[in-house]
Amino acid sequence: MPNPRTTPPPIDPSFMGKAILVVEDHEDSRDLLAMSFRLIGARVFAVGSLTDAQRAFARHTPDLVVCDLKLPDGTGLEFVVWVRALAKGRGRDVPCIALTGFEQRFPEARVIGFDAYLRKPVDLARLCNIASRLVARVQP
């Protein structure tokens, strides 16, 4: 029987087909996040570094970004600053969720431009609900 605390709840149909960029350097975590979003109907682009995240974002302009704060070649904070600068040029506000396994808080995450901040291990149901609300907020 599925655990209701870890099974993502039904998502609003407007979330179906949305493009999500997952930026996570740990392969197992990246795969789990990508699979979770695919199960609710999203198109997922999953990468493991800052450089790959910038390339993927430039190619696929996602509807949502889910990004680890610690990456092998930089930080999620650097990435969201880059996203916000690029998005302003395109006139687009892409919602971004920060993920971290660090014990300390990163208050600058929200100030810099993340819309939500979650500590690992991530509750997948909570993550999917937050993602759904953020995506719905920017839909035309």
Protein backbone atom coordinates (compact mmCIF):
# COMPACT_ATOMS: atom_id res chain seq x y z
CA MET A 1 0.00 0.00 0.00
CA PRO A 2 1.47 3.43 -0.95
CA ASN A 3 2.51 5.70 1.86
CA PRO A 4 0.26 8.82 1.68
CA ARG A 5 3.13 10.98 2.95
CA THR A 6 5.39 10.10 0.00
CA THR A 7 2.88 9.47 -2.80
CA PRO A 8 2.26 12.64 -4.80
CA PRO A 9 -1.42 13.60 -4.71
CA PRO A 10 -3.43 14.19 -7.88
CA ILE A 11 -2.24 17.33 -9.62
CA ASP A 12 -4.34 19.93 -11.38
CA PRO A 13 -4.65 18.94 -15.06
CA SER A 14 -3.14 22.29 -16.03
CA PHE A 15 0.18 20.92 -14.71
CA MET A 16 0.19 18.19 -17.37
CA GLY A 17 2.83 18.70 -20.06
CA LYS A 18 4.62 21.52 -18.24
CA ALA A 19 8.39 21.60 -18.70
CA ILE A 20 10.42 21.21 -15.51
CA LEU A 21 14.18 21.62 -15.23
CA VAL A 22 15.61 19.54 -12.38
CA VAL A 23 19.16 20.51 -11.37
CA GLU A 24 20.63 17.97 -8.93
CA ASP A 25 24.19 16.63 -8.86
CA HIS A 26 23.37 13.38 -7.04
CA GLU A 27 22.22 10.96 -9.71
CA ASP A 28 19.80 8.94 -7.55
CA SER A 29 18.10 12.09 -6.23
CA ARG A 30 17.96 13.57 -9.73
CA ASP A 31 16.35 10.38 -11.08
CA LEU A 32 13.81 10.27 -8.24
CA LEU A 33 12.81 13.90 -8.74
CA ALA A 34 12.57 13.49 -12.50
CA MET A 35 10.47 10.33 -12.16
CA SER A 36 8.14 11.99 -9.66
CA PHE A 37 7.45 14.89 -11.99
CA ARG A 38 7.05 12.60 -15.00
CA LEU A 39 4.47 10.55 -13.08
CA ILE A 40 2.29 13.64 -12.77
CA GLY A 41 2.56 14.36 -16.48
CA ALA A 42 5.38 16.89 -16.67
CA ARG A 43 8.11 16.96 -19.29
CA VAL A 44 11.39 16.85 -17.37
CA PHE A 45 14.89 17.95 -18.28
CA ALA A 46 17.29 16.71 -15.60
CA VAL A 47 20.91 17.82 -15.32
CA GLY A 48 23.69 17.59 -12.74
CA SER A 49 25.69 20.81 -12.98
CA LEU A 50 25.41 24.58 -13.22
CA THR A 51 26.82 24.60 -16.74
CA ASP A 52 24.39 21.93 -17.94
CA ALA A 53 21.52 23.76 -16.22
CA GLN A 54 22.30 26.97 -18.09
CA ARG A 55 22.46 25.11 -21.40
CA ALA A 56 19.20 23.25 -20.73
CA PHE A 57 17.42 26.43 -19.62
CA ALA A 58 18.55 28.28 -22.74
CA ARG A 59 17.34 25.43 -24.98
CA HIS A 60 14.05 24.57 -23.30
CA THR A 61 12.91 27.59 -21.19
CA PRO A 62 11.06 25.57 -18.55
CA ASP A 63 7.83 26.37 -16.74
CA LEU A 64 9.53 25.55 -13.41
CA VAL A 65 13.05 25.01 -12.06
CA VAL A 66 13.86 22.71 -9.12
CA CYS A 67 17.49 23.26 -8.16
CA ASP A 68 19.91 21.92 -5.56
CA LEU A 69 21.92 24.69 -3.90
CA LYS A 70 25.24 22.83 -4.04
CA LEU A 71 26.49 21.88 -7.49
CA PRO A 72 29.90 20.59 -8.59
CA ASP A 73 30.71 23.68 -10.65
CA GLY A 74 28.87 26.41 -8.76
CA THR A 75 25.74 26.95 -6.71
CA GLY A 76 22.00 27.01 -7.17
CA LEU A 77 22.14 30.61 -5.95
CA GLU A 78 24.37 31.51 -8.91
CA PHE A 79 22.00 29.69 -11.23
CA VAL A 80 18.86 31.48 -10.03
CA VAL A 81 20.59 34.88 -10.34
CA TRP A 82 21.42 33.93 -13.94
CA VAL A 83 17.84 32.72 -14.55
CA ARG A 84 16.32 35.91 -13.15
CA ALA A 85 18.58 38.10 -15.29
CA LEU A 86 17.74 36.06 -18.40
CA ALA A 87 14.03 35.87 -17.60
CA LYS A 88 13.77 39.65 -17.20
CA GLY A 89 15.24 40.05 -20.66
CA ARG A 90 12.58 37.68 -22.00
CA GLY A 91 9.87 39.24 -19.87
CA ARG A 92 9.21 35.89 -18.20
CA ASP A 93 9.07 34.92 -14.55
CA VAL A 94 10.04 31.25 -14.22
CA PRO A 95 9.24 29.87 -10.73
CA CYS A 96 12.24 28.33 -8.98
CA ILE A 97 12.37 25.94 -6.02
CA ALA A 98 15.60 25.57 -4.03
CA LEU A 99 16.58 22.21 -2.51
CA THR A 100 19.36 21.65 -0.01
CA GLY A 101 20.72 19.00 2.28
CA PHE A 102 22.55 21.56 4.43
CA GLU A 103 21.43 22.01 8.02
CA GLN A 104 21.83 25.77 7.95
CA ARG A 105 19.20 28.04 6.47
CA PHE A 106 19.81 30.08 3.35
CA PRO A 107 17.65 33.19 3.80
CA GLU A 108 19.28 34.68 0.72
CA ALA A 109 17.63 31.95 -1.38
CA ARG A 110 14.31 33.81 -1.33
CA VAL A 111 15.91 37.23 -1.56
CA ILE A 112 17.94 36.20 -4.60
CA GLY A 113 14.93 34.81 -6.43
CA PHE A 114 13.82 31.36 -5.36
CA ASP A 115 10.05 31.13 -4.86
CA ALA A 116 10.26 28.21 -2.41
CA TYR A 117 12.92 26.53 -0.32
CA LEU A 118 12.86 22.88 0.80
CA ARG A 119 15.33 20.83 2.84
CA LYS A 120 16.31 17.31 1.88
CA PRO A 121 15.12 14.68 2.18
CA VAL A 122 12.25 16.21 0.27
CA ASP A 123 8.67 15.15 0.88
CA LEU A 124 7.64 14.43 -2.72
CA ALA A 125 3.95 15.18 -2.12
CA ARG A 126 4.82 18.58 -0.66
CA LEU A 127 7.25 19.31 -3.49
CA CYS A 128 4.65 18.42 -6.13
CA ASN A 129 1.99 20.56 -4.43
CA ILE A 130 4.32 23.56 -4.22
CA ALA A 131 5.38 23.05 -7.84
CA SER A 132 1.75 22.88 -8.95
CA ARG A 133 0.87 26.12 -7.16
CA LEU A 134 3.88 27.96 -8.58
CA VAL A 135 3.21 26.80 -12.13
CA ALA A 136 -0.49 27.71 -11.85
CA ARG A 137 0.46 31.18 -10.58
CA VAL A 138 2.26 32.11 -13.81
CA GLN A 139 -0.08 30.48 -16.33
CA PRO A 140 -1.64 32.92 -18.81
